[in-house]
C-alpha atoms as a PDB file:
ATOM      1  CA  MET A   1     -13.849  -6.667  -4.057  1.00  0.00           C
ATOM      2  CA  PRO A   2     -12.879  -4.086  -6.725  1.00  0.00           C
ATOM      3  CA  GLY A   3     -15.176  -1.085  -6.402  1.00  0.00           C
ATOM      4  CA  SER A   4     -15.759  -1.573  -2.682  1.00  0.00           C
ATOM      5  CA  THR A   5     -17.176   1.547  -1.097  1.00  0.00           C
ATOM      6  CA  VAL A   6     -16.236   2.496   2.405  1.00  0.00           C
ATOM      7  CA  PRO A   7     -18.891   4.716   3.995  1.00  0.00           C
ATOM      8  CA  THR A   8     -17.381   7.307   6.288  1.00  0.00           C
ATOM      9  CA  SER A   9     -18.519  10.487   7.898  1.00  0.00           C
ATOM     10  CA  GLY A  10     -17.998  13.907   6.378  1.00  0.00           C
ATOM     11  CA  ALA A  11     -16.787  14.666   2.867  1.00  0.00           C
ATOM     12  CA  ASN A  12     -15.527  11.139   2.274  1.00  0.00           C
ATOM     13  CA  GLN A  13     -18.879   9.444   2.946  1.00  0.00           C
ATOM     14  CA  GLY A  14     -19.473   6.618   0.476  1.00  0.00           C
ATOM     15  CA  ARG A  15     -16.268   7.311  -1.461  1.00  0.00           C
ATOM     16  CA  ASN A  16     -14.879   4.448  -3.529  1.00  0.00           C
ATOM     17  CA  VAL A  17     -11.745   3.215  -1.789  1.00  0.00           C
ATOM     18  CA  THR A  18     -10.146   2.307  -5.107  1.00  0.00           C
ATOM     19  CA  ALA A  19     -10.654   5.727  -6.655  1.00  0.00           C
ATOM     20  CA  ALA A  20      -7.418   7.420  -5.748  1.00  0.00           C
ATOM     21  CA  PRO A  21      -7.684  11.217  -5.779  1.00  0.00           C
ATOM     22  CA  HIS A  22      -4.078  11.313  -6.968  1.00  0.00           C
ATOM     23  CA  SER A  23      -4.207   8.574  -9.572  1.00  0.00           C
ATOM     24  CA  ALA A  24      -1.213   6.354 -10.140  1.00  0.00           C
ATOM     25  CA  THR A  25       0.908   7.121 -13.160  1.00  0.00           C
ATOM     26  CA  PRO A  26       0.545   4.251 -15.636  1.00  0.00           C
ATOM     27  CA  GLN A  27       3.754   2.281 -15.981  1.00  0.00           C
ATOM     28  CA  ASN A  28       5.173   2.185 -19.475  1.00  0.00           C
ATOM     29  CA  ALA A  29       6.704  -0.948 -20.944  1.00  0.00           C
ATOM     30  CA  SER A  30       9.935   1.003 -21.347  1.00  0.00           C
ATOM     31  CA  GLU A  31      10.652   4.018 -19.150  1.00  0.00           C
ATOM     32  CA  ASP A  32      13.296   5.504 -21.450  1.00  0.00           C
ATOM     33  CA  ALA A  33      15.786   4.562 -24.138  1.00  0.00           C
ATOM     34  CA  THR A  34      18.467   3.604 -21.623  1.00  0.00           C
ATOM     35  CA  THR A  35      16.262   1.399 -19.443  1.00  0.00           C
ATOM     36  CA  VAL A  36      16.566  -2.382 -19.376  1.00  0.00           C
ATOM     37  CA  GLY A  37      14.143  -4.439 -17.316  1.00  0.00           C
ATOM     38  CA  ARG A  38      13.175  -7.981 -16.456  1.00  0.00           C
ATOM     39  CA  THR A  39      10.071  -9.404 -14.819  1.00  0.00           C
ATOM     40  CA  ILE A  40      10.680 -10.922 -11.393  1.00  0.00           C
ATOM     41  CA  LEU A  41       7.038 -11.570 -10.403  1.00  0.00           C
ATOM     42  CA  SER A  42       4.402 -12.731 -12.879  1.00  0.00           C
ATOM     43  CA  GLU A  43       0.645 -12.387 -12.554  1.00  0.00           C
ATOM     44  CA  ASP A  44       0.331 -15.880 -11.065  1.00  0.00           C
ATOM     45  CA  GLU A  45       3.211 -15.293  -8.669  1.00  0.00           C
ATOM     46  CA  ILE A  46       1.610 -12.053  -7.438  1.00  0.00           C
ATOM     47  CA  ARG A  47      -1.674 -13.893  -6.920  1.00  0.00           C
ATOM     48  CA  ARG A  48       0.011 -16.637  -4.900  1.00  0.00           C
ATOM     49  CA  ALA A  49       2.010 -14.112  -2.861  1.00  0.00           C
ATOM     50  CA  LEU A  50      -1.139 -12.200  -1.906  1.00  0.00           C
ATOM     51  CA  THR A  51      -2.937 -15.404  -0.961  1.00  0.00           C
ATOM     52  CA  ARG A  52      -0.041 -16.375   1.300  1.00  0.00           C
ATOM     53  CA  ILE A  53       0.031 -12.927   2.891  1.00  0.00           C
ATOM     54  CA  ALA A  54      -3.719 -13.134   3.552  1.00  0.00           C
ATOM     55  CA  TYR A  55      -3.249 -16.399   5.455  1.00  0.00           C
ATOM     56  CA  GLU A  56      -0.274 -14.927   7.344  1.00  0.00           C
ATOM     57  CA  ILE A  57      -2.325 -11.905   8.414  1.00  0.00           C
ATOM     58  CA  ILE A  58      -5.087 -14.113   9.762  1.00  0.00           C
ATOM     59  CA  GLU A  59      -2.640 -16.396  11.568  1.00  0.00           C
ATOM     60  CA  THR A  60      -0.653 -13.527  13.086  1.00  0.00           C
ATOM     61  CA  ASN A  61      -3.843 -11.809  14.234  1.00  0.00           C
ATOM     62  CA  LYS A  62      -5.248 -15.114  15.541  1.00  0.00           C
ATOM     63  CA  GLY A  63      -8.373 -14.539  13.501  1.00  0.00           C
ATOM     64  CA  VAL A  64      -9.984 -11.392  12.133  1.00  0.00           C
ATOM     65  CA  GLU A  65     -11.304  -9.720  15.268  1.00  0.00           C
ATOM     66  CA  ASN A  66     -10.550  -5.976  15.265  1.00  0.00           C
ATOM     67  CA  LEU A  67      -8.627  -6.359  11.997  1.00  0.00           C
ATOM     68  CA  VAL A  68      -8.684  -3.596   9.368  1.00  0.00           C
ATOM     69  CA  LEU A  69      -6.672  -3.121   6.172  1.00  0.00           C
ATOM     70  CA  ILE A  70      -5.584   0.278   4.879  1.00  0.00           C
ATOM     71  CA  GLY A  71      -3.873   0.683   1.524  1.00  0.00           C
ATOM     72  CA  ILE A  72      -1.286   3.415   1.017  1.00  0.00           C
ATOM     73  CA  ARG A  73      -2.166   5.318  -2.141  1.00  0.00           C
ATOM     74  CA  SER A  74      -1.811   4.603  -4.824  1.00  0.00           C
ATOM     75  CA  ARG A  75      -0.829   0.986  -5.610  1.00  0.00           C
ATOM     76  CA  GLY A  76      -1.219  -0.090  -2.008  1.00  0.00           C
ATOM     77  CA  VAL A  77      -4.969   0.465  -2.338  1.00  0.00           C
ATOM     78  CA  PRO A  78      -5.767  -2.204  -4.972  1.00  0.00           C
ATOM     79  CA  LEU A  79      -3.447  -4.592  -3.146  1.00  0.00           C
ATOM     80  CA  ALA A  80      -5.389  -3.964   0.081  1.00  0.00           C
ATOM     81  CA  VAL A  81      -8.658  -4.565  -1.773  1.00  0.00           C
ATOM     82  CA  ARG A  82      -7.367  -7.905  -3.066  1.00  0.00           C
ATOM     83  CA  LEU A  83      -6.099  -8.939   0.359  1.00  0.00           C
ATOM     84  CA  ALA A  84      -9.432  -8.001   1.951  1.00  0.00           C
ATOM     85  CA  ALA A  85     -11.278 -10.145  -0.600  1.00  0.00           C
ATOM     86  CA  ARG A  86      -9.018 -13.118   0.150  1.00  0.00           C
ATOM     87  CA  ILE A  87      -9.366 -12.712   3.901  1.00  0.00           C
ATOM     88  CA  GLN A  88     -13.147 -12.521   3.580  1.00  0.00           C
ATOM     89  CA  ALA A  89     -13.158 -15.703   1.479  1.00  0.00           C
ATOM     90  CA  ILE A  90     -11.182 -17.488   4.197  1.00  0.00           C
ATOM     91  CA  GLU A  91     -12.961 -15.918   7.178  1.00  0.00           C
ATOM     92  CA  PRO A  92     -16.587 -14.988   6.352  1.00  0.00           C
ATOM     93  CA  ASN A  93     -16.812 -13.003   9.600  1.00  0.00           C
ATOM     94  CA  PHE A  94     -14.465 -10.478   8.020  1.00  0.00           C
ATOM     95  CA  ASN A  95     -16.590  -7.884   6.215  1.00  0.00           C
ATOM     96  CA  ALA A  96     -14.315  -6.208   3.714  1.00  0.00           C
ATOM     97  CA  GLU A  97     -16.850  -3.437   3.099  1.00  0.00           C
ATOM     98  CA  THR A  98     -16.404  -2.139   6.652  1.00  0.00           C
ATOM     99  CA  ARG A  99     -12.775  -3.150   7.256  1.00  0.00           C
ATOM    100  CA  LEU A 100     -11.088  -1.492   4.287  1.00  0.00           C
ATOM    101  CA  GLY A 101      -9.561   1.958   3.966  1.00  0.00           C
ATOM    102  CA  ALA A 102      -7.171   4.102   1.918  1.00  0.00           C
ATOM    103  CA  LEU A 103      -4.464   6.476   3.109  1.00  0.00           C
ATOM    104  CA  ASP A 104      -3.094   9.490   1.258  1.00  0.00           C
ATOM    105  CA  ILE A 105       0.313  10.408   2.684  1.00  0.00           C
ATOM    106  CA  THR A 106       1.100  13.332   0.371  1.00  0.00           C
ATOM    107  CA  ALA A 107       0.957  15.995   3.091  1.00  0.00           C
ATOM    108  CA  TYR A 108       3.174  13.931   5.387  1.00  0.00           C
ATOM    109  CA  ARG A 109       6.069  13.144   3.080  1.00  0.00           C
ATOM    110  CA  ASP A 110       9.429  14.551   4.135  1.00  0.00           C
ATOM    111  CA  ASP A 111      10.252  15.507   0.551  1.00  0.00           C
ATOM    112  CA  GLN A 112       7.489  18.136   0.411  1.00  0.00           C
ATOM    113  CA  PRO A 113       8.564  21.735  -0.326  1.00  0.00           C
ATOM    114  CA  VAL A 114       9.204  23.883   2.731  1.00  0.00           C
ATOM    115  CA  SER A 115       6.648  26.662   3.198  1.00  0.00           C
ATOM    116  CA  PRO A 116       7.659  30.337   3.460  1.00  0.00           C
ATOM    117  CA  ASN A 117       7.454  30.159   7.255  1.00  0.00           C
ATOM    118  CA  GLY A 118      10.022  27.364   7.238  1.00  0.00           C
ATOM    119  CA  THR A 119       7.679  24.525   8.170  1.00  0.00           C
ATOM    120  CA  THR A 120       6.380  21.466   6.340  1.00  0.00           C
ATOM    121  CA  SER A 121       3.631  20.645   8.835  1.00  0.00           C
ATOM    122  CA  PRO A 122       0.456  19.505   7.034  1.00  0.00           C
ATOM    123  CA  ASP A 123      -2.803  21.304   7.703  1.00  0.00           C
ATOM    124  CA  THR A 124      -4.903  18.476   6.302  1.00  0.00           C
ATOM    125  CA  ALA A 125      -5.074  14.709   6.598  1.00  0.00           C
ATOM    126  CA  GLY A 126      -5.426  14.495   2.816  1.00  0.00           C
ATOM    127  CA  GLU A 127      -7.764  12.359   0.718  1.00  0.00           C
ATOM    128  CA  SER A 128      -7.928   9.410   3.093  1.00  0.00           C
ATOM    129  CA  ILE A 129     -10.827   7.041   3.679  1.00  0.00           C
ATOM    130  CA  MET A 130     -10.980   5.243   6.992  1.00  0.00           C
ATOM    131  CA  PRO A 131     -12.769   1.916   7.511  1.00  0.00           C
ATOM    132  CA  THR A 132     -16.379   2.264   8.606  1.00  0.00           C
ATOM    133  CA  ILE A 133     -15.582   0.596  11.933  1.00  0.00           C
ATOM    134  CA  GLY A 134     -12.765   3.098  12.528  1.00  0.00           C
ATOM    135  CA  ILE A 135      -9.208   2.432  13.666  1.00  0.00           C
ATOM    136  CA  GLU A 136      -9.373   3.234  17.385  1.00  0.00           C
ATOM    137  CA  GLY A 137      -8.189   0.168  19.276  1.00  0.00           C
ATOM    138  CA  LYS A 138      -7.993  -1.865  16.071  1.00  0.00           C
ATOM    139  CA  THR A 139      -5.194  -3.873  14.500  1.00  0.00           C
ATOM    140  CA  VAL A 140      -4.325  -1.948  11.361  1.00  0.00           C
ATOM    141  CA  VAL A 141      -2.450  -3.627   8.522  1.00  0.00           C
ATOM    142  CA  LEU A 142      -0.937  -0.990   6.243  1.00  0.00           C
ATOM    143  CA  VAL A 143      -0.540  -2.279   2.692  1.00  0.00           C
ATOM    144  CA  ASP A 144       1.924  -0.991   0.099  1.00  0.00           C
ATOM    145  CA  ASP A 145       3.505  -2.256  -3.099  1.00  0.00           C
ATOM    146  CA  VAL A 146       7.244  -1.717  -2.465  1.00  0.00           C
ATOM    147  CA  LEU A 147       9.189  -1.162   0.745  1.00  0.00           C
ATOM    148  CA  TYR A 148      12.385   0.758   0.075  1.00  0.00           C
ATOM    149  CA  SER A 149      13.854   3.487   2.308  1.00  0.00           C
ATOM    150  CA  GLY A 150      11.016   3.311   4.842  1.00  0.00           C
ATOM    151  CA  ARG A 151      10.132   6.974   4.417  1.00  0.00           C
ATOM    152  CA  THR A 152       6.756   6.232   2.824  1.00  0.00           C
ATOM    153  CA  VAL A 153       5.826   4.059   5.794  1.00  0.00           C
ATOM    154  CA  ARG A 154       6.970   6.709   8.262  1.00  0.00           C
ATOM    155  CA  ALA A 155       4.738   9.233   6.479  1.00  0.00           C
ATOM    156  CA  ALA A 156       1.881   6.709   6.530  1.00  0.00           C
ATOM    157  CA  LEU A 157       2.210   6.269  10.299  1.00  0.00           C
ATOM    158  CA  ASP A 158       2.033  10.046  10.753  1.00  0.00           C
ATOM    159  CA  ALA A 159      -1.003  10.258   8.475  1.00  0.00           C
ATOM    160  CA  LEU A 160      -2.698   7.366  10.265  1.00  0.00           C
ATOM    161  CA  ASN A 161      -2.186   9.072  13.608  1.00  0.00           C
ATOM    162  CA  ALA A 162      -4.332  11.972  12.382  1.00  0.00           C
ATOM    163  CA  HIS A 163      -7.310   9.616  12.180  1.00  0.00           C
ATOM    164  CA  GLY A 164      -7.070   7.773  15.479  1.00  0.00           C
ATOM    165  CA  ARG A 165      -4.972   5.560  17.714  1.00  0.00           C
ATOM    166  CA  PRO A 166      -4.835   1.904  16.654  1.00  0.00           C
ATOM    167  CA  ALA A 167      -3.964  -0.792  19.183  1.00  0.00           C
ATOM    168  CA  LEU A 168      -1.382  -2.199  16.770  1.00  0.00           C
ATOM    169  CA  VAL A 169      -0.033  -1.389  13.317  1.00  0.00           C
ATOM    170  CA  ARG A 170       1.508  -3.982  11.007  1.00  0.00           C
ATOM    171  CA  LEU A 171       2.897  -3.650   7.497  1.00  0.00           C
ATOM    172  CA  ALA A 172       2.302  -5.847   4.455  1.00  0.00           C
ATOM    173  CA  VAL A 173       4.171  -5.236   1.201  1.00  0.00           C
ATOM    174  CA  LEU A 174       4.316  -7.033  -2.107  1.00  0.00           C
ATOM    175  CA  VAL A 175       8.068  -6.427  -2.497  1.00  0.00           C
ATOM    176  CA  ASP A 176      10.819  -5.553  -0.019  1.00  0.00           C
ATOM    177  CA  ARG A 177      13.809  -4.288  -1.998  1.00  0.00           C
ATOM    178  CA  GLY A 178      16.025  -3.316   0.951  1.00  0.00           C
ATOM    179  CA  HIS A 179      18.115  -0.126   1.256  1.00  0.00           C
ATOM    180  CA  ARG A 180      16.354   1.034   4.411  1.00  0.00           C
ATOM    181  CA  GLN A 181      17.083   4.537   5.695  1.00  0.00           C
ATOM    182  CA  LEU A 182      14.829   4.231   8.743  1.00  0.00           C
ATOM    183  CA  PRO A 183      14.373   1.400  11.291  1.00  0.00           C
ATOM    184  CA  ILE A 184      11.231   0.031   9.643  1.00  0.00           C
ATOM    185  CA  ARG A 185      10.506  -3.529   8.581  1.00  0.00           C
ATOM    186  CA  ALA A 186       7.567  -5.333   7.029  1.00  0.00           C
ATOM    187  CA  ASP A 187       5.619  -8.002   8.908  1.00  0.00           C
ATOM    188  CA  HIS A 188       4.315  -9.648   5.739  1.00  0.00           C
ATOM    189  CA  VAL A 189       6.330  -9.725   2.504  1.00  0.00           C
ATOM    190  CA  GLY A 190       5.401 -11.176  -0.868  1.00  0.00           C
ATOM    191  CA  LYS A 191       8.996 -11.254  -2.117  1.00  0.00           C
ATOM    192  CA  ASN A 192      12.323 -10.131  -0.666  1.00  0.00           C
ATOM    193  CA  LEU A 193      14.283  -8.713  -3.567  1.00  0.00           C
ATOM    194  CA  PRO A 194      17.924  -7.675  -3.128  1.00  0.00           C
ATOM    195  CA  THR A 195      18.587  -4.702  -5.398  1.00  0.00           C
ATOM    196  CA  SER A 196      21.329  -2.220  -6.173  1.00  0.00           C
ATOM    197  CA  ALA A 197      20.967   1.535  -5.889  1.00  0.00           C
ATOM    198  CA  SER A 198      20.981   1.782  -9.699  1.00  0.00           C
ATOM    199  CA  GLU A 199      17.893  -0.422 -10.005  1.00  0.00           C
ATOM    200  CA  THR A 200      14.225   0.482  -9.785  1.00  0.00           C
ATOM    201  CA  VAL A 201      11.361  -1.855  -8.895  1.00  0.00           C
ATOM    202  CA  ARG A 202       8.281  -1.278 -11.031  1.00  0.00           C
ATOM    203  CA  VAL A 203       4.918  -2.712  -9.927  1.00  0.00           C
ATOM    204  CA  VAL A 204       2.265  -2.956 -12.640  1.00  0.00           C
ATOM    205  CA  LEU A 205      -1.324  -3.659 -11.578  1.00  0.00           C
ATOM    206  CA  THR A 206      -4.465  -4.033 -13.647  1.00  0.00           C
ATOM    207  CA  GLU A 207      -6.381  -1.518 -11.531  1.00  0.00           C
ATOM    208  CA  THR A 208      -3.860   1.310 -11.837  1.00  0.00           C
ATOM    209  CA  ASP A 209      -2.012   0.572 -15.064  1.00  0.00           C
ATOM    210  CA  ASN A 210      -4.553  -1.172 -17.303  1.00  0.00           C
ATOM    211  CA  ALA A 211      -2.000  -3.901 -17.932  1.00  0.00           C
ATOM    212  CA  THR A 212      -1.313  -7.460 -16.816  1.00  0.00           C
ATOM    213  CA  ASP A 213      -0.028  -7.714 -13.247  1.00  0.00           C
ATOM    214  CA  ARG A 214       3.720  -8.006 -12.945  1.00  0.00           C
ATOM    215  CA  VAL A 215       6.728  -6.727 -11.025  1.00  0.00           C
ATOM    216  CA  ASP A 216       9.758  -5.656 -13.012  1.00  0.00           C
ATOM    217  CA  ILE A 217      13.249  -4.764 -11.905  1.00  0.00           C
ATOM    218  CA  ILE A 218      14.690  -1.952 -13.980  1.00  0.00           C
ATOM    219  CA  GLN A 219      18.421  -1.439 -14.503  1.00  0.00           C
ATOM    220  CA  LEU A 220      19.118   2.156 -15.426  1.00  0.00           C
ATOM    221  CA  GLY A 221      21.825   3.124 -17.880  1.00  0.00           C
ATOM    222  CA  GLY A 222      21.265   0.249 -20.278  1.00  0.00           C
ATOM    223  CA  LEU A 223      23.093  -2.336 -18.145  1.00  0.00           C
ATOM    224  CA  SER A 224      21.777  -5.862 -17.840  1.00  0.00           C
END
């Protein structure tokens, strides 16, 4: 499904759902001289995790009726594309071309600078592409690479609300690393990964990083 286009109305009509307007920063093999990392998910393990999540989504939804997938930019988008392709292979009634979207949460993040009038309220929904069939009354599965504090997901829910009112929203992530700051949990998880505050989880994907798929855990400060 790479390169799937999602026709929508307005300025985003026919936009490529994988072409993030704010492109992901390629992940370097070594982030700095004091960084030590190890791979905790290989390419094959990522593939198997996504296949399992695809089956879980279908089972939880009791089929694919009213099901849409929306990737959170930027690495959530290629993951959503892959999941959509797997779901379509399992359930041919699922048309990934019309059930796939992308969500830009930039304007909804709570770490955005405060404007001179003291507000951070967005005046735009950002560079988001909704599925052709829309999200009103649909079951929306938000897709992201790493679940951490929960603040990205909170921003995604606010951004999604600007485009319609789904019947149900679920969350699928490749990695859940814990350390939640908000009462948010994932419904579908590729790998639960206990981490410390001094560690960073780095997801590398072919589509965004031009490198072999993997998930690394990075220990800052040169500690193993």
